[in-house]
Protein backbone atom coordinates (compact mmCIF):
# COMPACT_ATOMS: atom_id res chain seq x y z
CA MET A 1 0.00 0.00 0.00
CA ARG A 2 1.22 3.52 -0.86
CA ILE A 3 1.32 6.32 1.76
CA LEU A 4 2.23 9.96 1.20
CA ILE A 5 3.46 12.12 4.10
CA ILE A 6 3.07 15.88 3.72
CA ASP A 7 4.70 17.86 6.54
CA ASP A 8 7.02 20.87 6.57
CA GLU A 9 9.22 19.37 9.30
CA MET A 10 11.89 17.06 7.84
CA ASN A 11 12.40 15.09 11.06
CA ILE A 12 8.66 14.21 11.19
CA CYS A 13 8.71 13.12 7.54
CA LEU A 14 11.73 10.87 8.07
CA THR A 15 10.39 9.45 11.36
CA LEU A 16 7.01 8.61 9.86
CA GLN A 17 8.63 7.15 6.75
CA SER A 18 10.84 4.90 8.90
CA ILE A 19 7.91 3.71 11.03
CA LEU A 20 5.69 2.97 8.04
CA GLU A 21 8.34 1.29 5.91
CA ASP A 22 9.15 -1.03 8.84
CA GLU A 23 5.47 -2.06 8.60
CA GLY A 24 5.90 -2.89 4.91
CA TYR A 25 4.24 0.24 3.44
CA ASN A 26 5.56 2.04 0.35
CA THR A 27 6.03 5.69 1.39
CA GLN A 28 7.06 9.05 -0.01
CA TYR A 29 7.08 12.49 1.58
CA ALA A 30 6.78 16.17 0.61
CA GLN A 31 7.49 19.31 2.63
CA ASN A 32 5.12 21.82 1.05
CA ALA A 33 1.69 21.96 -0.58
CA GLN A 34 2.90 22.30 -4.17
CA GLU A 35 5.28 19.32 -3.93
CA GLY A 36 2.64 17.39 -2.00
CA MET A 37 0.04 17.87 -4.74
CA GLN A 38 2.50 16.87 -7.46
CA LYS A 39 3.42 13.67 -5.63
CA PHE A 40 -0.24 12.93 -4.86
CA LYS A 41 -0.99 12.95 -8.60
CA SER A 42 2.10 10.95 -9.66
CA PHE A 43 2.42 8.54 -6.69
CA ALA A 44 -1.37 7.95 -6.31
CA PRO A 45 -1.26 7.07 -2.60
CA GLU A 46 -4.12 5.26 -0.87
CA ILE A 47 -3.47 7.11 2.41
CA VAL A 48 -2.16 10.62 3.02
CA LEU A 49 -0.72 11.92 6.31
CA LEU A 50 -1.24 15.69 6.04
CA ASP A 51 -0.07 18.40 8.45
CA VAL A 52 -2.65 21.06 9.28
CA LYS A 53 0.07 23.74 9.19
CA LEU A 54 2.40 23.70 6.18
CA GLY A 55 4.44 26.81 6.88
CA GLU A 56 2.35 29.66 5.51
CA THR A 57 0.01 27.23 3.68
CA ASP A 58 -3.25 26.02 5.20
CA GLY A 59 -3.48 22.22 5.14
CA LEU A 60 -7.28 22.47 4.78
CA GLU A 61 -6.87 24.06 1.35
CA LEU A 62 -4.62 21.20 0.26
CA LEU A 63 -7.14 18.72 1.69
CA GLU A 64 -9.85 20.20 -0.56
CA ASP A 65 -7.51 20.02 -3.57
CA ILE A 66 -6.78 16.35 -2.80
CA PHE A 67 -10.49 15.53 -2.64
CA GLN A 68 -11.06 17.26 -5.97
CA VAL A 69 -8.55 14.90 -7.56
CA GLU A 70 -9.64 11.78 -5.61
CA PRO A 71 -12.83 12.04 -3.53
CA GLN A 72 -12.22 8.59 -1.99
CA ALA A 73 -8.74 9.41 -0.66
CA LYS A 74 -8.13 8.53 3.01
CA VAL A 75 -6.47 11.54 4.65
CA ILE A 76 -5.16 11.50 8.23
CA MET A 77 -4.53 15.02 9.52
CA ILE A 78 -1.50 15.79 11.73
CA SER A 79 -1.91 18.68 14.16
CA GLY A 80 -0.08 20.39 16.97
CA HIS A 81 -1.98 21.73 19.97
CA SER A 82 -2.69 24.99 18.11
CA GLY A 83 -4.13 23.12 15.14
CA ILE A 84 -6.81 21.05 16.90
CA LYS A 85 -9.60 23.36 15.71
CA GLU A 86 -8.43 23.02 12.11
CA ALA A 87 -8.11 19.24 12.48
CA VAL A 88 -11.71 18.99 13.67
CA GLU A 89 -12.77 21.14 10.70
CA ALA A 90 -10.84 18.78 8.42
CA ILE A 91 -12.79 15.79 9.77
CA LYS A 92 -16.01 17.64 8.92
CA LYS A 93 -14.68 18.18 5.41
CA GLY A 94 -14.06 14.45 4.94
CA ALA A 95 -10.66 13.64 6.50
CA TYR A 96 -10.57 10.10 7.89
CA ASP A 97 -8.81 10.81 11.21
CA PHE A 98 -6.30 13.10 12.91
CA LEU A 99 -3.15 12.56 14.99
CA GLU A 100 -1.95 15.04 17.58
CA LYS A 101 1.74 15.92 17.94
CA PRO A 102 3.96 14.62 19.42
CA LEU A 103 3.28 11.52 17.35
CA GLY A 104 3.31 8.20 19.20
CA LEU A 105 4.54 5.07 17.42
CA THR A 106 1.51 2.97 18.43
CA LYS A 107 -1.03 5.66 17.52
CA VAL A 108 0.49 6.17 14.06
CA LYS A 109 0.54 2.44 13.28
CA LEU A 110 -3.02 1.95 14.56
CA ALA A 111 -4.44 4.95 12.65
CA VAL A 112 -2.81 3.84 9.40
CA LYS A 113 -3.95 0.23 9.90
CA LYS A 114 -7.57 1.34 10.43
CA ALA A 115 -7.42 3.64 7.41
CA HIS A 116 -6.01 0.78 5.32
CA GLU A 117 -8.78 -1.60 6.45
CA PHE A 118 -11.46 1.03 5.81
CA SER A 119 -9.99 1.79 2.37
CA SER A 120 -10.01 -1.92 1.49
CA MET A 121 -13.61 -2.30 2.66
CA SER A 122 -14.66 0.78 0.68
CA ARG A 123 -12.97 -0.56 -2.44
CA GLN A 124 -14.58 -3.99 -2.03
CA TYR A 125 -17.98 -2.37 -1.50
CA ALA A 126 -17.54 -0.22 -4.60
CA GLU A 127 -16.54 -3.28 -6.66
CA LEU A 128 -19.47 -5.28 -5.28
CA LYS A 129 -21.91 -2.46 -6.04
CA SER A 130 -20.45 -2.07 -9.52
CA ASN A 131 -20.86 -5.80 -10.15
CA ILE A 132 -24.46 -5.70 -8.89
CA ASP A 133 -25.26 -2.69 -11.06
CA GLN A 134 -23.67 -4.46 -14.04
CA GLN A 135 -25.68 -7.65 -13.39
CA TYR A 136 -28.93 -5.67 -13.15
CA LYS A 137 -28.24 -3.46 -16.16
CA LEU A 138 -30.98 -3.25 -18.79
CA ILE A 139 -29.35 -3.79 -22.19
CA GLY A 140 -30.68 -2.59 -25.53
CA GLN A 141 -31.35 0.61 -27.48
CA SER A 142 -34.42 -0.59 -29.38
CA GLU A 143 -37.61 1.43 -29.26
CA VAL A 144 -39.32 -1.00 -26.87
CA MET A 145 -36.37 -0.90 -24.46
CA GLN A 146 -36.19 2.90 -24.55
CA LYS A 147 -39.91 3.10 -23.78
CA LEU A 148 -39.42 0.64 -20.93
CA ARG A 149 -36.64 2.79 -19.42
CA GLN A 150 -38.78 5.91 -19.72
CA LEU A 151 -41.64 4.17 -17.93
CA ILE A 152 -39.28 2.95 -15.18
CA CYS A 153 -38.03 6.51 -14.55
CA ARG A 154 -41.58 7.83 -14.25
CA VAL A 155 -42.66 4.99 -11.96
CA ALA A 156 -39.57 5.26 -9.73
CA ARG A 157 -40.48 8.78 -8.58
CA SER A 158 -43.50 7.54 -6.62
CA ASP A 159 -44.10 4.81 -4.06
CA SER A 160 -46.98 3.32 -6.05
CA LYS A 161 -47.30 -0.45 -6.25
CA VAL A 162 -45.98 -2.01 -9.45
CA LEU A 163 -46.93 -5.30 -11.12
CA ILE A 164 -44.40 -6.54 -13.68
CA CYS A 165 -45.70 -9.11 -16.16
CA GLY A 166 -43.84 -10.96 -18.87
CA GLU A 167 -42.54 -14.28 -20.10
CA SER A 168 -39.79 -16.13 -18.24
CA GLY A 169 -36.34 -14.75 -18.99
CA THR A 170 -37.46 -11.25 -20.03
CA GLY A 171 -35.80 -9.46 -17.09
CA LYS A 172 -38.63 -8.80 -14.64
CA GLU A 173 -36.18 -8.74 -11.73
CA LEU A 174 -33.96 -6.28 -13.61
CA VAL A 175 -36.94 -3.96 -14.10
CA ALA A 176 -37.82 -4.20 -10.39
CA TYR A 177 -34.23 -3.33 -9.42
CA ALA A 178 -34.18 -0.43 -11.90
CA VAL A 179 -37.35 1.01 -10.30
CA HIS A 180 -35.71 0.70 -6.86
CA HIS A 181 -32.34 2.04 -8.04
CA ASN A 182 -33.93 5.18 -9.51
CA SER A 183 -36.15 5.84 -6.48
CA ARG A 184 -35.57 7.74 -3.25
CA ARG A 185 -35.09 4.32 -1.61
CA ALA A 186 -32.00 3.48 -3.66
CA SER A 187 -29.62 3.61 -0.68
CA ASN A 188 -31.85 1.21 1.31
CA PRO A 189 -32.22 -2.57 0.87
CA PHE A 190 -33.60 -4.27 -2.24
CA ILE A 191 -34.89 -7.61 -0.94
CA LYS A 192 -36.02 -10.44 -3.22
CA PHE A 193 -38.59 -13.10 -2.37
CA ASN A 194 -39.48 -15.85 -4.84
CA SER A 195 -42.74 -17.61 -3.95
CA ALA A 196 -42.11 -20.41 -6.45
CA ALA A 197 -38.69 -21.28 -5.01
CA ILE A 198 -39.90 -21.87 -1.43
CA PRO A 199 -42.17 -24.70 -0.18
CA GLN A 200 -45.68 -23.36 0.48
CA GLU A 201 -45.50 -24.23 4.19
CA LEU A 202 -42.40 -22.02 4.61
CA VAL A 203 -43.62 -18.98 2.65
CA GLU A 204 -45.14 -17.14 5.62
CA SER A 205 -42.23 -17.81 8.01
CA GLU A 206 -39.73 -16.56 5.41
CA LEU A 207 -41.83 -13.55 4.50
CA PHE A 208 -43.03 -12.40 7.92
CA GLY A 209 -40.40 -13.92 10.20
CA TYR A 210 -41.06 -15.81 13.43
CA GLU A 211 -40.45 -15.80 17.17
CA LYS A 212 -38.51 -18.39 19.12
CA GLY A 213 -40.71 -21.42 19.82
CA ALA A 214 -43.34 -20.44 17.25
CA PHE A 215 -43.08 -23.94 15.72
CA THR A 216 -40.92 -27.04 15.94
CA GLY A 217 -37.38 -26.10 14.98
CA ALA A 218 -37.78 -22.38 15.73
CA GLU A 219 -34.87 -22.25 18.18
CA ARG A 220 -34.42 -18.51 17.82
CA SER A 221 -36.31 -15.49 16.55
CA LYS A 222 -35.76 -14.56 12.92
CA PRO A 223 -36.80 -11.43 10.99
CA GLY A 224 -38.57 -12.01 7.69
CA LYS A 225 -38.05 -10.46 4.28
CA LEU A 226 -40.53 -7.67 5.08
CA GLU A 227 -38.46 -6.45 8.02
CA GLN A 228 -35.25 -6.70 6.03
CA ALA A 229 -36.81 -4.48 3.36
CA ASP A 230 -37.96 -1.79 5.81
CA GLY A 231 -37.17 1.59 4.25
CA GLY A 232 -36.38 -0.08 0.93
CA THR A 233 -38.10 -2.29 -1.62
CA LEU A 234 -39.49 -5.83 -1.39
CA PHE A 235 -39.61 -7.63 -4.73
CA LEU A 236 -42.21 -10.41 -4.72
CA ASP A 237 -41.22 -12.58 -7.66
CA GLU A 238 -43.65 -15.18 -9.02
CA ILE A 239 -46.49 -13.71 -6.95
CA GLY A 240 -48.91 -16.01 -8.82
CA ASP A 241 -47.43 -19.00 -6.93
CA MET A 242 -48.12 -17.53 -3.48
CA ASN A 243 -50.74 -19.39 -1.43
CA LEU A 244 -54.03 -17.67 -0.52
CA SER A 245 -53.18 -17.41 3.18
CA ALA A 246 -49.96 -15.51 2.50
CA GLN A 247 -51.81 -13.38 -0.07
CA ALA A 248 -54.27 -12.24 2.63
CA LYS A 249 -51.42 -11.21 4.94
CA ILE A 250 -49.58 -9.37 2.16
CA LEU A 251 -52.81 -7.52 1.39
CA ARG A 252 -52.87 -6.27 4.98
CA VAL A 253 -49.26 -5.10 4.71
CA ILE A 254 -50.13 -3.13 1.57
CA GLN A 255 -53.26 -1.62 3.12
CA ALA A 256 -52.00 -0.81 6.63
CA GLY A 257 -48.21 -1.17 6.49
CA GLU A 258 -48.23 -3.58 9.44
CA PHE A 259 -47.90 -7.29 10.24
CA GLU A 260 -46.96 -9.74 13.01
CA ARG A 261 -44.22 -12.32 13.08
CA ILE A 262 -45.42 -15.92 13.36
CA GLY A 263 -45.87 -16.70 17.06
CA SER A 264 -46.07 -13.02 18.11
CA ASN A 265 -48.91 -10.70 19.05
CA ASN A 266 -46.81 -7.59 18.60
CA THR A 267 -47.81 -5.60 15.53
CA MET A 268 -44.86 -4.19 13.58
CA LYS A 269 -45.03 -1.09 11.40
CA ILE A 270 -42.90 -0.91 8.28
CA ASP A 271 -42.27 1.45 5.38
CA THR A 272 -41.63 -0.86 2.44
CA ARG A 273 -42.38 -0.42 -1.24
CA ILE A 274 -43.74 -3.62 -2.79
CA ILE A 275 -43.07 -4.58 -6.40
CA ALA A 276 -44.53 -7.86 -7.66
CA ALA A 277 -43.85 -9.89 -10.79
CA THR A 278 -45.35 -12.89 -12.54
CA ASN A 279 -45.31 -14.80 -15.80
CA LYS A 280 -48.88 -15.98 -15.20
CA ASN A 281 -52.22 -14.45 -16.20
CA LEU A 282 -53.40 -13.17 -12.81
CA GLU A 283 -56.76 -11.99 -14.16
CA ALA A 284 -57.53 -15.53 -15.32
CA MET A 285 -56.40 -16.85 -11.92
CA VAL A 286 -58.73 -14.38 -10.18
CA LYS A 287 -61.69 -15.75 -12.18
CA LYS A 288 -60.76 -19.29 -11.13
CA GLY A 289 -60.44 -18.27 -7.47
CA GLU A 290 -56.69 -19.03 -7.45
CA PHE A 291 -55.63 -15.43 -6.75
CA ARG A 292 -57.27 -12.81 -4.56
CA GLU A 293 -59.08 -10.18 -6.59
CA ASP A 294 -58.50 -7.44 -3.99
CA LEU A 295 -54.76 -8.18 -3.91
CA PHE A 296 -54.57 -8.13 -7.71
CA TYR A 297 -56.06 -4.63 -7.89
CA ARG A 298 -53.86 -3.43 -5.01
CA LEU A 299 -50.73 -4.60 -6.82
CA ASN A 300 -51.76 -3.63 -10.33
CA VAL A 301 -51.58 0.13 -9.76
CA ILE A 302 -48.86 0.54 -12.38
CA PRO A 303 -48.53 -2.45 -14.75
CA ILE A 304 -45.24 -2.94 -16.60
CA GLN A 305 -44.90 -5.48 -19.42
CA THR A 306 -41.41 -6.78 -20.12
CA PRO A 307 -40.91 -7.44 -23.86
CA ALA A 308 -40.00 -10.88 -25.19
CA LEU A 309 -36.69 -11.02 -27.07
CA ARG A 310 -38.51 -11.71 -30.35
CA GLU A 311 -40.01 -8.20 -30.03
CA HIS A 312 -36.58 -6.53 -30.10
CA PRO A 313 -34.14 -8.79 -32.00
CA GLU A 314 -32.17 -5.68 -32.99
CA ASP A 315 -30.77 -5.67 -29.42
CA ILE A 316 -29.20 -9.13 -29.80
CA PRO A 317 -25.75 -7.86 -30.97
CA GLU A 318 -25.51 -5.54 -27.94
CA LEU A 319 -26.67 -8.33 -25.61
CA ILE A 320 -24.02 -10.68 -27.03
CA GLU A 321 -21.32 -8.04 -26.46
CA HIS A 322 -22.52 -7.37 -22.90
CA PHE A 323 -22.64 -11.03 -21.87
CA SER A 324 -19.34 -11.77 -23.59
CA ARG A 325 -17.57 -9.11 -21.54
CA PHE A 326 -19.39 -10.21 -18.39
CA PHE A 327 -18.38 -13.88 -18.66
CA ALA A 328 -14.82 -13.02 -19.67
CA GLN A 329 -14.53 -11.27 -16.30
CA GLU A 330 -16.71 -13.67 -14.32
CA LEU A 331 -15.02 -16.86 -15.56
CA LYS A 332 -11.59 -15.22 -15.94
CA ARG A 333 -11.35 -16.26 -19.60
CA PRO A 334 -9.99 -14.36 -22.61
CA TYR A 335 -12.60 -12.11 -24.23
CA LYS A 336 -14.35 -13.79 -27.17
CA HIS A 337 -15.19 -11.84 -30.32
CA PHE A 338 -18.28 -12.89 -32.32
CA THR A 339 -18.09 -12.56 -36.10
CA GLU A 340 -20.87 -10.87 -38.06
CA SER A 341 -22.09 -14.23 -39.43
CA ALA A 342 -22.22 -15.66 -35.88
CA ILE A 343 -24.24 -12.69 -34.68
CA GLN A 344 -26.66 -13.16 -37.60
CA LYS A 345 -26.94 -16.83 -36.66
CA PHE A 346 -27.87 -15.79 -33.12
CA ALA A 347 -30.38 -13.24 -34.37
CA ALA A 348 -32.10 -15.94 -36.42
CA GLN A 349 -32.84 -18.14 -33.40
CA GLN A 350 -36.15 -18.55 -31.60
CA PHE A 351 -35.24 -17.83 -28.01
CA LYS A 352 -38.21 -19.25 -26.14
CA GLY A 353 -36.31 -18.61 -22.91
CA ASN A 354 -35.72 -15.01 -24.03
CA VAL A 355 -32.67 -13.06 -22.78
CA ARG A 356 -31.95 -15.64 -20.08
CA GLN A 357 -31.55 -18.34 -22.73
CA LEU A 358 -29.24 -16.10 -24.76
CA ARG A 359 -27.19 -15.43 -21.61
CA ASN A 360 -26.90 -19.15 -20.89
CA LEU A 361 -25.70 -19.79 -24.45
CA ILE A 362 -22.92 -17.21 -24.13
CA GLU A 363 -21.85 -18.79 -20.83
CA ARG A 364 -21.83 -22.24 -22.50
CA ILE A 365 -19.66 -20.86 -25.31
CA TYR A 366 -17.14 -19.50 -22.79
CA ILE A 367 -16.93 -22.87 -21.06
CA LEU A 368 -16.92 -25.24 -24.05
CA ILE A 369 -15.11 -23.29 -26.80
CA ASP A 370 -11.43 -22.38 -26.49
CA SER A 371 -11.24 -20.12 -29.55
CA THR A 372 -11.34 -16.37 -28.92
CA GLN A 373 -13.14 -15.82 -32.23
CA ILE A 374 -16.61 -17.31 -32.45
CA THR A 375 -17.71 -18.02 -36.02
CA GLU A 376 -20.93 -19.50 -37.37
CA THR A 377 -19.24 -22.92 -37.42
CA GLU A 378 -18.43 -22.93 -33.68
CA LEU A 379 -21.87 -21.56 -32.93
CA LYS A 380 -23.63 -24.31 -34.88
CA ASN A 381 -22.09 -26.97 -32.62
CA ILE A 382 -23.34 -25.14 -29.54
CA LEU A 383 -26.83 -24.55 -30.94
CA ASP A 384 -27.12 -28.25 -31.76
CA TYR A 385 -27.04 -28.90 -27.99
CA THR A 386 -29.96 -26.54 -27.45
CA GLU A 387 -33.31 -28.10 -28.18
CA SER A 388 -35.27 -24.86 -27.75
CA ALA A 389 -33.00 -22.74 -29.95
CA ALA A 390 -34.60 -23.20 -33.36
CA ALA A 391 -34.30 -20.76 -36.25
CA ASP A 392 -36.85 -17.94 -36.31
CA PHE A 393 -38.10 -17.73 -39.88
CA TRP A 394 -38.67 -13.96 -39.83
CA ASN A 395 -35.37 -13.01 -38.15
CA GLU A 396 -33.11 -15.23 -40.24
CA THR A 397 -31.02 -13.23 -42.73
CA LYS A 398 -30.89 -14.89 -46.17
CA ASP A 399 -30.95 -14.04 -49.86
CA PHE A 400 -34.46 -12.71 -50.60
CA LYS A 401 -35.13 -15.18 -53.42
CA ASP A 402 -34.13 -18.14 -51.24
CA LYS A 403 -36.25 -16.84 -48.37
CA LYS A 404 -39.24 -16.31 -50.64
CA ARG A 405 -38.90 -19.84 -52.00
CA GLU A 406 -38.63 -21.22 -48.46
CA PHE A 407 -41.78 -19.34 -47.44
CA GLU A 408 -43.78 -20.50 -50.48
CA THR A 409 -42.67 -24.11 -49.96
CA LYS A 410 -43.58 -24.15 -46.26
CA TYR A 411 -46.85 -22.31 -46.78
CA LEU A 412 -48.17 -24.33 -49.74
CA THR A 413 -47.09 -27.65 -48.19
CA THR A 414 -48.99 -26.78 -45.01
CA GLN A 415 -52.08 -25.70 -46.97
CA LEU A 416 -52.09 -28.94 -48.95
CA LYS A 417 -51.97 -30.91 -45.70
CA ILE A 418 -54.86 -28.86 -44.30
CA ASN A 419 -56.88 -29.61 -47.46
CA GLU A 420 -55.96 -33.32 -47.38
CA GLY A 421 -53.82 -33.10 -50.52
CA SER A 422 -56.60 -31.70 -52.75
CA ILE A 423 -55.14 -29.20 -55.23
CA SER A 424 -58.55 -27.95 -56.32
CA LYS A 425 -59.72 -27.33 -52.74
CA THR A 426 -56.41 -25.66 -51.84
CA ALA A 427 -56.59 -23.40 -54.93
CA GLU A 428 -60.18 -22.44 -54.06
CA ASN A 429 -59.32 -21.58 -50.44
CA LEU A 430 -56.27 -19.55 -51.48
CA GLY A 431 -58.09 -17.69 -54.25
CA MET A 432 -55.84 -19.14 -56.97
CA HIS A 433 -56.49 -20.77 -60.34
CA ILE A 434 -55.79 -24.51 -60.29
CA SER A 435 -53.39 -24.16 -63.21
CA ASN A 436 -51.38 -21.44 -61.42
CA LEU A 437 -51.19 -23.48 -58.21
CA SER A 438 -50.16 -26.64 -60.11
CA ARG A 439 -47.40 -24.72 -61.89
CA LYS A 440 -46.14 -23.29 -58.60
CA LEU A 441 -46.14 -26.73 -56.93
CA LYS A 442 -44.14 -28.12 -59.83
CA GLU A 443 -41.70 -25.21 -59.67
CA LEU A 444 -41.18 -25.78 -55.93
CA LYS A 445 -41.02 -29.57 -56.39
CA ILE A 446 -43.88 -30.13 -53.97
CA THR A 447 -45.56 -33.51 -54.51
């Protein structure tokens, strides 16, 4: 770790450098503000030990300059008795800590150690947050994706309930996170709860929590997802799979903002925004008595429909690029470039599993293919493993004449089957003369 000492007293600079280098730190020092700023930019230290008084220069001014260059810098102020007031002011301005002269060996080592640990934790948190933001990023510049982002921004400003509907693999969780991330609750928890992934008998205990002794095996009290999401957002994924008993309790939370843990009579108040998602037709479930009508209308204040991948195939190249970079980093493999023909091959597929299926294919490519350039040939071998990845007739890029012939062949063959092989009946239903249809069948070699 790199440490920069900025103090106008040479003996303090040398003493601190000796102490810190004995601890294994890489150190440099400067004796004035100008030299200190130059070394801060070139040396890029993680920790700075900065004197409040630098001759005629005010250390607070240099502190502000340092933060302009690197807002996350960890600065420990050094002050004599006369500089305590300035040191306190520096803490208010963002300095990590201050040491009072005369400097004690133990205090210096401890302060630097704590600053180092805090710096490492801050860096890890920033990396973790960056990875989370990257994982939840909505990819695509198509018209449907731009409209979706615009809707998310409008919805995020309020605390209204949101119901996200769409096919599996269309990014319902990503949309829920985007609403949370753009809301006033962004700095508070985003808690996920998947009703389909938990046995029905455990749904309520996981959602509402329980007290010690509430049931066999409850050896201690445990907060539920609702409490964990207090002040933030609770994302109820696959809400259509939630049992009716849990639905009634969630309805109460939405209406009154209160609930009880299992085994407790104490009512708890919470401030949690609820976003629900499903790939089922809740209106049809309401008619069958499988989903509470009152809960449906409580949740469906703002409906959001996530588009299937077939509705925005123009985003496939960008999605491929995004997932390729993601898995190169995630799996620590060399980045793989996809040729234009390979991208066209991807774009021609029917992704019944939507973006999730595309993502899984890219991951499979990174694991099974060593080449850093993915051509149509390598891709064909991978697609052969995927039963659900069949070519989409309308998205496949081909010579127009060949595509037209393919369409006519498929269409007329199907119509003949529908009409039990009768050319006259087929011609009548298609509004064609028998002679014209016979000629076309001969041309296409359809028997």
